[in-house]
Amino acid sequence: MSTTRLVVLGAVKQFQPVHGYFLRRELMTWHVDEWAHIQPGSIYNALRALEVDGYIAESGTETEGKRPARTTYRITPAGEVELQRMLRENLWNVAAFDTQAIMTVASFMFVLSRQEVIAGLEHRLIKSDAIITQNGFDVQDTLRSETTPKYVREIFDLSTARLTAEKQWLLDLLERLREGEYVFAGETVAEAAAASE
């Protein structure tokens, strides 16, 4: 799955109708170039590809002052389904060495229901514990190996430290979500507030 496609499709949903220049400017404030390795030019390429695939459609044009007209986009019904599919894949799968998936979940979790996000995050806690346990066995294997350099254990130790930190963040986020923070698919602001009562 392309993180660029997910991020651009999610951003179109969030800001629609929206033009490429706004997306580029906004997504750079999210530092997507750092955590998702998305360069400004690839945002425009992703918009074109998403339109060809039928996940977004031209909504109209927007003109500001003497600037040329800019094409604005909206997500299509097929794009809604694709965005949910990609986001679910990132929510329910934990990678030992990759942070992109959870960063996209944090960016676009509003697309899913509160119940699903909570269930997925709880699953991530269990899966993270399993990977941390596996990392411990990988360290032992590395230290016993006659060919693997002993310092390779640091890869697994770093993964364990990252997952341990992510687990604490997950616990904090779960508490906030159970208290009604944010608005999710199918909710109104009043329903989100009622979730905390």
N, C-alpha and C. Protein backbone atom coordinates (compact mmCIF):
# COMPACT_ATOMS: atom_id res chain seq x y z
N MET A 1 0.85 -1.18 0.00
CA MET A 1 0.00 0.00 0.00
C MET A 1 0.89 1.24 0.00
N SER A 2 0.46 2.24 -0.73
CA SER A 2 1.21 3.49 -0.79
C SER A 2 0.73 4.44 0.30
N THR A 3 1.66 4.83 1.16
CA THR A 3 1.33 5.80 2.20
C THR A 3 0.93 7.13 1.56
N THR A 4 1.57 7.48 0.46
CA THR A 4 1.24 8.74 -0.22
C THR A 4 -0.22 8.74 -0.66
N ARG A 5 -0.67 7.64 -1.24
CA ARG A 5 -2.07 7.56 -1.69
C ARG A 5 -3.02 7.71 -0.50
N LEU A 6 -2.73 7.03 0.59
CA LEU A 6 -3.60 7.10 1.77
C LEU A 6 -3.64 8.52 2.31
N VAL A 7 -2.48 9.15 2.46
CA VAL A 7 -2.41 10.50 3.03
C VAL A 7 -3.13 11.50 2.15
N VAL A 8 -2.91 11.43 0.85
CA VAL A 8 -3.54 12.40 -0.06
C VAL A 8 -5.05 12.15 -0.11
N LEU A 9 -5.47 10.90 -0.19
CA LEU A 9 -6.89 10.59 -0.23
C LEU A 9 -7.57 11.02 1.07
N GLY A 10 -6.93 10.75 2.20
CA GLY A 10 -7.48 11.17 3.49
C GLY A 10 -7.56 12.69 3.60
N ALA A 11 -6.56 13.37 3.09
CA ALA A 11 -6.57 14.84 3.15
C ALA A 11 -7.64 15.43 2.23
N VAL A 12 -7.87 14.81 1.07
CA VAL A 12 -8.95 15.28 0.20
C VAL A 12 -10.28 15.14 0.95
N LYS A 13 -10.49 13.99 1.60
CA LYS A 13 -11.73 13.80 2.36
C LYS A 13 -11.87 14.86 3.44
N GLN A 14 -10.79 15.11 4.16
CA GLN A 14 -10.85 16.04 5.28
C GLN A 14 -11.12 17.47 4.86
N PHE A 15 -10.56 17.91 3.74
CA PHE A 15 -10.62 19.33 3.36
C PHE A 15 -11.49 19.62 2.15
N GLN A 16 -12.14 18.63 1.58
CA GLN A 16 -12.89 18.79 0.33
C GLN A 16 -13.93 19.90 0.38
N PRO A 17 -14.19 20.56 -0.74
CA PRO A 17 -13.42 20.52 -1.98
C PRO A 17 -12.08 21.22 -1.78
N VAL A 18 -11.05 20.64 -2.36
CA VAL A 18 -9.70 21.13 -2.09
C VAL A 18 -8.84 21.05 -3.34
N HIS A 19 -7.92 21.97 -3.47
CA HIS A 19 -6.99 21.96 -4.60
C HIS A 19 -5.61 21.51 -4.14
N GLY A 20 -4.80 21.11 -5.09
CA GLY A 20 -3.49 20.54 -4.82
C GLY A 20 -2.56 21.47 -4.05
N TYR A 21 -2.59 22.75 -4.36
CA TYR A 21 -1.68 23.68 -3.67
C TYR A 21 -2.01 23.73 -2.18
N PHE A 22 -3.29 23.79 -1.84
CA PHE A 22 -3.67 23.79 -0.42
C PHE A 22 -3.21 22.49 0.25
N LEU A 23 -3.44 21.36 -0.41
CA LEU A 23 -3.01 20.07 0.17
C LEU A 23 -1.51 20.06 0.41
N ARG A 24 -0.75 20.51 -0.58
CA ARG A 24 0.71 20.52 -0.44
C ARG A 24 1.12 21.37 0.75
N ARG A 25 0.57 22.56 0.82
CA ARG A 25 0.92 23.48 1.91
C ARG A 25 0.51 22.90 3.27
N GLU A 26 -0.70 22.38 3.37
CA GLU A 26 -1.20 21.83 4.62
C GLU A 26 -0.40 20.59 5.05
N LEU A 27 -0.21 19.66 4.13
CA LEU A 27 0.48 18.41 4.49
C LEU A 27 1.93 18.65 4.88
N MET A 28 2.55 19.66 4.33
CA MET A 28 3.93 19.96 4.74
C MET A 28 3.95 20.44 6.20
N THR A 29 2.87 21.06 6.69
CA THR A 29 2.84 21.45 8.10
C THR A 29 2.69 20.23 9.01
N TRP A 30 2.26 19.12 8.44
CA TRP A 30 2.16 17.86 9.19
C TRP A 30 3.49 17.11 9.17
N HIS A 31 4.46 17.65 8.47
CA HIS A 31 5.79 17.04 8.31
C HIS A 31 5.73 15.68 7.61
N VAL A 32 4.81 15.54 6.64
CA VAL A 32 4.70 14.27 5.93
C VAL A 32 5.96 13.95 5.13
N ASP A 33 6.73 14.98 4.81
CA ASP A 33 7.99 14.73 4.13
C ASP A 33 8.97 13.97 5.03
N GLU A 34 8.82 14.12 6.34
CA GLU A 34 9.71 13.44 7.28
C GLU A 34 9.20 12.06 7.67
N TRP A 35 7.94 11.95 8.12
CA TRP A 35 7.49 10.65 8.61
C TRP A 35 6.91 9.75 7.55
N ALA A 36 6.43 10.31 6.44
CA ALA A 36 5.87 9.48 5.37
C ALA A 36 6.72 9.54 4.10
N HIS A 37 7.77 10.35 4.12
CA HIS A 37 8.68 10.50 2.98
C HIS A 37 7.93 10.95 1.72
N ILE A 38 6.94 11.84 1.92
CA ILE A 38 6.16 12.37 0.81
C ILE A 38 6.74 13.73 0.43
N GLN A 39 7.17 13.83 -0.81
CA GLN A 39 7.69 15.09 -1.31
C GLN A 39 6.55 15.89 -1.95
N PRO A 40 6.66 17.22 -1.96
CA PRO A 40 5.57 18.04 -2.49
C PRO A 40 5.09 17.63 -3.88
N GLY A 41 6.00 17.30 -4.77
CA GLY A 41 5.61 16.91 -6.14
C GLY A 41 4.79 15.63 -6.17
N SER A 42 5.04 14.72 -5.23
CA SER A 42 4.29 13.46 -5.25
C SER A 42 2.84 13.65 -4.84
N ILE A 43 2.53 14.76 -4.18
CA ILE A 43 1.13 15.04 -3.83
C ILE A 43 0.32 15.27 -5.10
N TYR A 44 0.88 16.04 -6.04
CA TYR A 44 0.19 16.29 -7.31
C TYR A 44 0.09 14.99 -8.12
N ASN A 45 1.15 14.20 -8.12
CA ASN A 45 1.11 12.91 -8.84
C ASN A 45 0.05 12.01 -8.24
N ALA A 46 -0.06 11.99 -6.92
CA ALA A 46 -1.06 11.15 -6.26
C ALA A 46 -2.47 11.63 -6.61
N LEU A 47 -2.69 12.94 -6.67
CA LEU A 47 -4.00 13.46 -7.05
C LEU A 47 -4.39 12.97 -8.45
N ARG A 48 -3.45 13.04 -9.38
CA ARG A 48 -3.73 12.58 -10.75
C ARG A 48 -4.06 11.09 -10.76
N ALA A 49 -3.25 10.30 -10.04
CA ALA A 49 -3.47 8.84 -10.01
C ALA A 49 -4.80 8.49 -9.34
N LEU A 50 -5.12 9.18 -8.26
CA LEU A 50 -6.39 8.92 -7.56
C LEU A 50 -7.58 9.28 -8.44
N GLU A 51 -7.44 10.34 -9.25
CA GLU A 51 -8.52 10.71 -10.17
C GLU A 51 -8.67 9.65 -11.26
N VAL A 52 -7.56 9.19 -11.81
CA VAL A 52 -7.60 8.14 -12.84
C VAL A 52 -8.25 6.88 -12.29
N ASP A 53 -7.96 6.55 -11.04
CA ASP A 53 -8.51 5.34 -10.42
C ASP A 53 -9.97 5.51 -9.98
N GLY A 54 -10.48 6.73 -10.07
CA GLY A 54 -11.87 6.97 -9.71
C GLY A 54 -12.11 7.20 -8.22
N TYR A 55 -11.04 7.45 -7.46
CA TYR A 55 -11.18 7.64 -6.01
C TYR A 55 -11.44 9.10 -5.64
N ILE A 56 -11.08 10.01 -6.52
CA ILE A 56 -11.43 11.42 -6.35
C ILE A 56 -11.96 11.91 -7.70
N ALA A 57 -12.72 12.99 -7.65
CA ALA A 57 -13.26 13.57 -8.89
C ALA A 57 -13.14 15.08 -8.82
N GLU A 58 -13.01 15.65 -9.99
CA GLU A 58 -12.96 17.11 -10.07
C GLU A 58 -14.28 17.68 -9.56
N SER A 59 -14.16 18.68 -8.69
CA SER A 59 -15.33 19.30 -8.08
C SER A 59 -15.65 20.64 -8.72
N GLY A 60 -14.63 21.28 -9.24
CA GLY A 60 -14.81 22.59 -9.84
C GLY A 60 -13.47 23.28 -9.95
N THR A 61 -13.51 24.58 -10.10
CA THR A 61 -12.28 25.37 -10.12
C THR A 61 -12.44 26.52 -9.15
N GLU A 62 -11.30 26.97 -8.68
CA GLU A 62 -11.26 28.06 -7.69
C GLU A 62 -10.26 29.09 -8.18
N THR A 63 -10.63 30.34 -8.11
CA THR A 63 -9.73 31.41 -8.55
C THR A 63 -9.54 32.40 -7.41
N GLU A 64 -8.27 32.78 -7.19
CA GLU A 64 -7.95 33.79 -6.19
C GLU A 64 -7.17 34.90 -6.86
N GLY A 65 -7.73 36.10 -6.85
CA GLY A 65 -7.03 37.24 -7.43
C GLY A 65 -6.66 36.99 -8.88
N LYS A 66 -5.40 37.27 -9.20
CA LYS A 66 -4.93 37.11 -10.58
C LYS A 66 -4.28 35.74 -10.80
N ARG A 67 -4.34 34.89 -9.81
CA ARG A 67 -3.75 33.55 -9.95
C ARG A 67 -4.57 32.72 -10.93
N PRO A 68 -3.90 31.76 -11.59
CA PRO A 68 -4.65 30.88 -12.50
C PRO A 68 -5.67 30.05 -11.70
N ALA A 69 -6.71 29.62 -12.39
CA ALA A 69 -7.74 28.80 -11.76
C ALA A 69 -7.12 27.49 -11.28
N ARG A 70 -7.59 27.02 -10.12
CA ARG A 70 -7.10 25.76 -9.56
C ARG A 70 -8.25 24.75 -9.54
N THR A 71 -7.96 23.55 -9.96
CA THR A 71 -8.95 22.48 -9.93
C THR A 71 -9.12 22.00 -8.50
N THR A 72 -10.38 21.89 -8.07
CA THR A 72 -10.65 21.35 -6.74
C THR A 72 -11.21 19.94 -6.88
N TYR A 73 -10.98 19.13 -5.83
CA TYR A 73 -11.36 17.71 -5.86
C TYR A 73 -12.22 17.35 -4.66
N ARG A 74 -13.04 16.32 -4.86
CA ARG A 74 -13.84 15.69 -3.81
C ARG A 74 -13.58 14.19 -3.87
N ILE A 75 -13.75 13.54 -2.76
CA ILE A 75 -13.62 12.09 -2.73
C ILE A 75 -14.90 11.47 -3.30
N THR A 76 -14.76 10.37 -4.02
CA THR A 76 -15.91 9.67 -4.60
C THR A 76 -16.35 8.56 -3.64
N PRO A 77 -17.52 7.97 -3.86
CA PRO A 77 -17.91 6.83 -3.04
C PRO A 77 -16.88 5.69 -3.07
N ALA A 78 -16.31 5.43 -4.25
CA ALA A 78 -15.26 4.41 -4.34
C ALA A 78 -14.04 4.82 -3.53
N GLY A 79 -13.74 6.12 -3.52
CA GLY A 79 -12.62 6.63 -2.74
C GLY A 79 -12.85 6.48 -1.25
N GLU A 80 -14.10 6.67 -0.81
CA GLU A 80 -14.44 6.47 0.61
C GLU A 80 -14.13 5.03 1.02
N VAL A 81 -14.55 4.09 0.20
CA VAL A 81 -14.31 2.67 0.50
C VAL A 81 -12.81 2.37 0.51
N GLU A 82 -12.09 2.88 -0.47
CA GLU A 82 -10.65 2.64 -0.54
C GLU A 82 -9.92 3.25 0.65
N LEU A 83 -10.31 4.45 1.05
CA LEU A 83 -9.68 5.10 2.19
C LEU A 83 -9.91 4.28 3.46
N GLN A 84 -11.13 3.83 3.68
CA GLN A 84 -11.41 3.00 4.85
C GLN A 84 -10.60 1.71 4.81
N ARG A 85 -10.50 1.08 3.64
CA ARG A 85 -9.73 -0.16 3.51
C ARG A 85 -8.27 0.05 3.87
N MET A 86 -7.67 1.10 3.30
CA MET A 86 -6.25 1.37 3.57
C MET A 86 -6.03 1.72 5.03
N LEU A 87 -6.92 2.53 5.59
CA LEU A 87 -6.76 2.94 6.99
C LEU A 87 -6.91 1.75 7.92
N ARG A 88 -7.88 0.88 7.63
CA ARG A 88 -8.06 -0.33 8.45
C ARG A 88 -6.82 -1.21 8.40
N GLU A 89 -6.23 -1.33 7.24
CA GLU A 89 -5.02 -2.14 7.12
C GLU A 89 -3.93 -1.60 8.05
N ASN A 90 -3.80 -0.29 8.12
CA ASN A 90 -2.80 0.32 8.99
C ASN A 90 -3.18 0.25 10.46
N LEU A 91 -4.47 0.32 10.76
CA LEU A 91 -4.93 0.26 12.14
C LEU A 91 -4.70 -1.12 12.74
N TRP A 92 -5.01 -2.16 12.00
CA TRP A 92 -5.03 -3.51 12.55
C TRP A 92 -3.72 -4.26 12.41
N ASN A 93 -2.75 -3.71 11.70
CA ASN A 93 -1.46 -4.39 11.52
C ASN A 93 -0.35 -3.57 12.15
N VAL A 94 0.49 -4.23 12.90
CA VAL A 94 1.60 -3.56 13.59
C VAL A 94 2.91 -4.04 12.96
N ALA A 95 3.76 -3.09 12.59
CA ALA A 95 5.08 -3.43 12.04
C ALA A 95 6.14 -3.11 13.09
N ALA A 96 7.05 -4.04 13.27
CA ALA A 96 8.06 -3.88 14.31
C ALA A 96 8.97 -2.68 14.08
N PHE A 97 9.22 -2.35 12.83
CA PHE A 97 10.23 -1.33 12.53
C PHE A 97 9.68 -0.12 11.78
N ASP A 98 8.37 -0.01 11.62
CA ASP A 98 7.80 1.05 10.79
C ASP A 98 6.78 1.87 11.57
N THR A 99 6.90 3.18 11.49
CA THR A 99 5.96 4.06 12.19
C THR A 99 4.93 4.69 11.25
N GLN A 100 5.08 4.52 9.94
CA GLN A 100 4.18 5.18 9.00
C GLN A 100 2.72 4.78 9.22
N ALA A 101 2.48 3.50 9.48
CA ALA A 101 1.10 3.03 9.61
C ALA A 101 0.38 3.75 10.74
N ILE A 102 0.99 3.80 11.91
CA ILE A 102 0.31 4.42 13.05
C ILE A 102 0.21 5.93 12.88
N MET A 103 1.13 6.53 12.16
CA MET A 103 1.05 7.97 11.90
C MET A 103 -0.15 8.28 10.99
N THR A 104 -0.43 7.39 10.02
CA THR A 104 -1.60 7.62 9.17
C THR A 104 -2.89 7.39 9.97
N VAL A 105 -2.86 6.43 10.89
CA VAL A 105 -4.04 6.22 11.74
C VAL A 105 -4.30 7.48 12.57
N ALA A 106 -3.25 8.02 13.16
CA ALA A 106 -3.41 9.24 13.97
C ALA A 106 -3.93 10.40 13.12
N SER A 107 -3.55 10.44 11.86
CA SER A 107 -3.95 11.54 10.98
C SER A 107 -5.39 11.43 10.49
N PHE A 108 -5.88 10.20 10.32
CA PHE A 108 -7.17 10.04 9.65
C PHE A 108 -8.14 9.10 10.37
N MET A 109 -7.95 8.89 11.66
CA MET A 109 -8.82 7.95 12.38
C MET A 109 -10.28 8.38 12.36
N PHE A 110 -10.55 9.67 12.14
CA PHE A 110 -11.92 10.18 12.10
C PHE A 110 -12.76 9.52 11.02
N VAL A 111 -12.12 8.87 10.04
CA VAL A 111 -12.81 8.23 8.93
C VAL A 111 -13.60 7.00 9.41
N LEU A 112 -13.11 6.38 10.48
CA LEU A 112 -13.73 5.16 11.02
C LEU A 112 -14.60 5.51 12.23
N SER A 113 -15.32 4.53 12.72
CA SER A 113 -16.14 4.76 13.90
C SER A 113 -15.26 4.75 15.15
N ARG A 114 -15.72 5.42 16.19
CA ARG A 114 -15.00 5.43 17.47
C ARG A 114 -14.81 3.98 17.97
N GLN A 115 -15.87 3.18 17.87
CA GLN A 115 -15.82 1.80 18.34
C GLN A 115 -14.73 1.01 17.61
N GLU A 116 -14.64 1.17 16.29
CA GLU A 116 -13.63 0.44 15.53
C GLU A 116 -12.22 0.92 15.88
N VAL A 117 -12.05 2.22 16.01
CA VAL A 117 -10.71 2.74 16.33
C VAL A 117 -10.27 2.22 17.71
N ILE A 118 -11.17 2.25 18.68
CA ILE A 118 -10.83 1.75 20.01
C ILE A 118 -10.47 0.26 19.94
N ALA A 119 -11.27 -0.53 19.22
CA ALA A 119 -10.99 -1.96 19.09
C ALA A 119 -9.64 -2.19 18.40
N GLY A 120 -9.37 -1.42 17.35
CA GLY A 120 -8.10 -1.56 16.63
C GLY A 120 -6.91 -1.18 17.49
N LEU A 121 -7.05 -0.11 18.26
CA LEU A 121 -5.94 0.32 19.13
C LEU A 121 -5.71 -0.69 20.24
N GLU A 122 -6.78 -1.27 20.78
CA GLU A 122 -6.62 -2.32 21.78
C GLU A 122 -5.89 -3.52 21.19
N HIS A 123 -6.22 -3.86 19.95
CA HIS A 123 -5.53 -4.94 19.25
C HIS A 123 -4.04 -4.61 19.07
N ARG A 124 -3.76 -3.36 18.76
CA ARG A 124 -2.36 -2.95 18.57
C ARG A 124 -1.56 -3.15 19.86
N LEU A 125 -2.19 -2.91 21.00
CA LEU A 125 -1.50 -3.13 22.28
C LEU A 125 -1.08 -4.59 22.42
N ILE A 126 -2.00 -5.50 22.11
CA ILE A 126 -1.71 -6.93 22.21
C ILE A 126 -0.63 -7.33 21.22
N LYS A 127 -0.77 -6.88 19.99
CA LYS A 127 0.21 -7.21 18.94
C LYS A 127 1.58 -6.62 19.28
N SER A 128 1.62 -5.41 19.84
CA SER A 128 2.89 -4.80 20.23
C SER A 128 3.58 -5.63 21.30
N ASP A 129 2.80 -6.11 22.27
CA ASP A 129 3.38 -6.98 23.31
C ASP A 129 3.99 -8.23 22.69
N ALA A 130 3.31 -8.80 21.70
CA ALA A 130 3.82 -10.00 21.05
C ALA A 130 5.13 -9.71 20.32
N ILE A 131 5.21 -8.57 19.64
CA ILE A 131 6.44 -8.23 18.92
C ILE A 131 7.57 -7.95 19.91
N ILE A 132 7.26 -7.29 21.01
CA ILE A 132 8.28 -7.03 22.04
C ILE A 132 8.83 -8.36 22.57
N THR A 133 7.97 -9.32 22.81
CA THR A 133 8.42 -10.64 23.26
C THR A 133 9.29 -11.29 22.20
N GLN A 134 8.85 -11.23 20.95
CA GLN A 134 9.63 -11.80 19.84
C GLN A 134 10.99 -11.12 19.74
N ASN A 135 11.03 -9.79 19.91
CA ASN A 135 12.31 -9.07 19.86
C ASN A 135 13.28 -9.62 20.90
N GLY A 136 12.77 -9.96 22.09
CA GLY A 136 13.62 -10.54 23.13
C GLY A 136 14.27 -11.83 22.67
N PHE A 137 13.49 -12.67 22.00
CA PHE A 137 14.05 -13.93 21.48
C PHE A 137 15.04 -13.65 20.35
N ASP A 138 14.76 -12.64 19.53
CA ASP A 138 15.70 -12.28 18.45
C ASP A 138 17.02 -11.79 19.03
N VAL A 139 16.98 -11.06 20.13
CA VAL A 139 18.22 -10.62 20.80
C VAL A 139 19.00 -11.83 21.28
N GLN A 140 18.32 -12.78 21.91
CA GLN A 140 19.00 -13.99 22.39
C GLN A 140 19.65 -14.74 21.23
N ASP A 141 18.93 -14.87 20.10
CA ASP A 141 19.49 -15.54 18.93
C ASP A 141 20.73 -14.81 18.42
N THR A 142 20.66 -13.48 18.41
CA THR A 142 21.80 -12.68 17.94
C THR A 142 23.01 -12.91 18.83
N LEU A 143 22.80 -12.92 20.14
CA LEU A 143 23.92 -13.08 21.06
C LEU A 143 24.52 -14.48 21.00
N ARG A 144 23.72 -15.48 20.63
CA ARG A 144 24.22 -16.86 20.51
C ARG A 144 24.87 -17.13 19.16
N SER A 145 24.55 -16.30 18.17
CA SER A 145 25.03 -16.55 16.82
C SER A 145 26.55 -16.43 16.72
N GLU A 146 27.14 -17.32 15.95
CA GLU A 146 28.59 -17.26 15.72
C GLU A 146 28.94 -16.34 14.56
N THR A 147 27.94 -15.94 13.77
CA THR A 147 28.23 -15.11 12.59
C THR A 147 27.63 -13.70 12.69
N THR A 148 26.52 -13.55 13.40
CA THR A 148 25.87 -12.24 13.49
C THR A 148 26.63 -11.36 14.46
N PRO A 149 26.99 -10.13 14.06
CA PRO A 149 27.67 -9.23 14.99
C PRO A 149 26.77 -8.94 16.20
N LYS A 150 27.37 -8.89 17.37
CA LYS A 150 26.60 -8.72 18.61
C LYS A 150 25.82 -7.41 18.64
N TYR A 151 26.34 -6.37 17.97
CA TYR A 151 25.66 -5.07 17.99
C TYR A 151 24.33 -5.08 17.23
N VAL A 152 24.06 -6.12 16.46
CA VAL A 152 22.79 -6.21 15.73
C VAL A 152 21.62 -6.26 16.71
N ARG A 153 21.89 -6.68 17.95
CA ARG A 153 20.82 -6.70 18.95
C ARG A 153 20.18 -5.31 19.12
N GLU A 154 20.94 -4.26 18.83
CA GLU A 154 20.43 -2.90 19.01
C GLU A 154 19.22 -2.62 18.12
N ILE A 155 19.15 -3.29 16.98
CA ILE A 155 18.00 -3.13 16.09
C ILE A 155 16.73 -3.58 16.83
N PHE A 156 16.83 -4.73 17.48
CA PHE A 156 15.67 -5.27 18.20
C PHE A 156 15.39 -4.47 19.47
N ASP A 157 16.44 -4.02 20.14
CA ASP A 157 16.24 -3.19 21.32
C ASP A 157 15.56 -1.86 20.97
N LEU A 158 15.96 -1.28 19.83
CA LEU A 158 15.34 -0.04 19.38
C LEU A 158 13.87 -0.26 19.05
N SER A 159 13.57 -1.37 18.36
CA SER A 159 12.19 -1.70 18.05
C SER A 159 11.36 -1.85 19.32
N THR A 160 11.92 -2.51 20.32
CA THR A 160 11.22 -2.69 21.59
C THR A 160 10.98 -1.35 22.27
N ALA A 161 11.98 -0.48 22.27
CA ALA A 161 11.82 0.84 22.89
C ALA A 161 10.75 1.65 22.16
N ARG A 162 10.74 1.60 20.84
CA ARG A 162 9.74 2.34 20.06
C ARG A 162 8.34 1.81 20.35
N LEU A 163 8.19 0.49 20.34
CA LEU A 163 6.88 -0.10 20.59
C LEU A 163 6.41 0.16 22.02
N THR A 164 7.33 0.18 22.96
CA THR A 164 6.98 0.47 24.36
C THR A 164 6.46 1.91 24.47
N ALA A 165 7.12 2.83 23.80
CA ALA A 165 6.67 4.23 23.80
C ALA A 165 5.32 4.35 23.10
N GLU A 166 5.15 3.64 21.98
CA GLU A 166 3.88 3.68 21.26
C GLU A 166 2.76 3.12 22.13
N LYS A 167 3.05 2.07 22.90
CA LYS A 167 2.04 1.50 23.79
C LYS A 167 1.55 2.53 24.81
N GLN A 168 2.46 3.31 25.36
CA GLN A 168 2.05 4.34 26.32
C GLN A 168 1.17 5.39 25.65
N TRP A 169 1.56 5.78 24.45
CA TRP A 169 0.75 6.73 23.69
C TRP A 169 -0.63 6.13 23.40
N LEU A 170 -0.68 4.84 23.03
CA LEU A 170 -1.95 4.18 22.76
C LEU A 170 -2.85 4.19 23.99
N LEU A 171 -2.28 3.90 25.15
CA LEU A 171 -3.06 3.89 26.39
C LEU A 171 -3.63 5.28 26.67
N ASP A 172 -2.80 6.30 26.49
CA ASP A 172 -3.27 7.68 26.70
C ASP A 172 -4.36 8.05 25.69
N LEU A 173 -4.15 7.68 24.43
CA LEU A 173 -5.13 7.98 23.38
C LEU A 173 -6.44 7.25 23.65
N LEU A 174 -6.36 5.98 24.02
CA LEU A 174 -7.57 5.22 24.32
C LEU A 174 -8.39 5.89 25.43
N GLU A 175 -7.71 6.37 26.44
CA GLU A 175 -8.40 7.06 27.53
C GLU A 175 -9.13 8.29 27.00
N ARG A 176 -8.44 9.08 26.16
CA ARG A 176 -9.05 10.28 25.60
C ARG A 176 -10.24 9.94 24.70
N LEU A 177 -10.11 8.87 23.92
CA LEU A 177 -11.20 8.49 23.02
C LEU A 177 -12.41 8.01 23.81
N ARG A 178 -12.17 7.28 24.88
CA ARG A 178 -13.28 6.82 25.72
C ARG A 178 -13.95 7.98 26.44
N GLU A 179 -13.22 9.07 26.62
CA GLU A 179 -13.78 10.27 27.25
C GLU A 179 -14.47 11.19 26.24
N GLY A 180 -14.51 10.78 24.97
CA GLY A 180 -15.24 11.54 23.97
C GLY A 180 -14.42 12.50 23.13
N GLU A 181 -13.10 12.43 23.23
CA GLU A 181 -12.27 13.33 22.42
C GLU A 181 -12.44 13.02 20.94
N TYR A 182 -12.49 14.05 20.13
CA TYR A 182 -12.59 13.98 18.67
C TYR A 182 -13.98 13.52 18.24
N VAL A 183 -14.24 13.70 16.96
CA VAL A 183 -15.51 13.29 16.36
C VAL A 183 -15.19 12.27 15.27
N PHE A 184 -15.89 11.15 15.32
CA PHE A 184 -15.62 10.04 14.39
C PHE A 184 -16.78 9.85 13.43
N ALA A 185 -16.57 8.97 12.45
CA ALA A 185 -17.60 8.68 11.46
C ALA A 185 -18.91 8.29 12.14
N GLY A 186 -19.99 8.87 11.67
CA GLY A 186 -21.30 8.55 12.20
C GLY A 186 -21.65 9.28 13.48
N GLU A 187 -20.80 10.18 13.94
CA GLU A 187 -21.05 10.92 15.20
C GLU A 187 -21.28 12.40 14.91
N THR A 188 -22.01 13.02 15.80
CA THR A 188 -22.08 14.48 15.83
C THR A 188 -21.20 14.93 16.99
N VAL A 189 -20.94 16.22 17.08
CA VAL A 189 -20.15 16.76 18.19
C VAL A 189 -20.83 16.43 19.52
N ALA A 190 -22.17 16.53 19.55
CA ALA A 190 -22.92 16.25 20.78
C ALA A 190 -22.79 14.77 21.16
N GLU A 191 -22.81 13.88 20.18
CA GLU A 191 -22.67 12.44 20.47
C GLU A 191 -21.27 12.12 20.97
N ALA A 192 -20.26 12.80 20.43
CA ALA A 192 -18.89 12.58 20.90
C ALA A 192 -18.78 13.02 22.35
N ALA A 193 -19.38 14.15 22.69
CA ALA A 193 -19.35 14.65 24.07
C ALA A 193 -20.09 13.69 24.99
N ALA A 194 -21.19 13.09 24.50
CA ALA A 194 -21.97 12.16 25.31
C ALA A 194 -21.20 10.86 25.56
N ALA A 195 -20.23 10.55 24.71
CA ALA A 195 -19.44 9.33 24.89
C ALA A 195 -18.66 9.36 26.20
N SER A 196 -18.39 10.55 26.68
CA SER A 196 -17.59 10.68 27.91
C SER A 196 -18.45 10.58 29.17
N GLU A 197 -19.76 10.65 29.02
CA GLU A 197 -20.65 10.64 30.20
C GLU A 197 -20.98 9.24 30.65
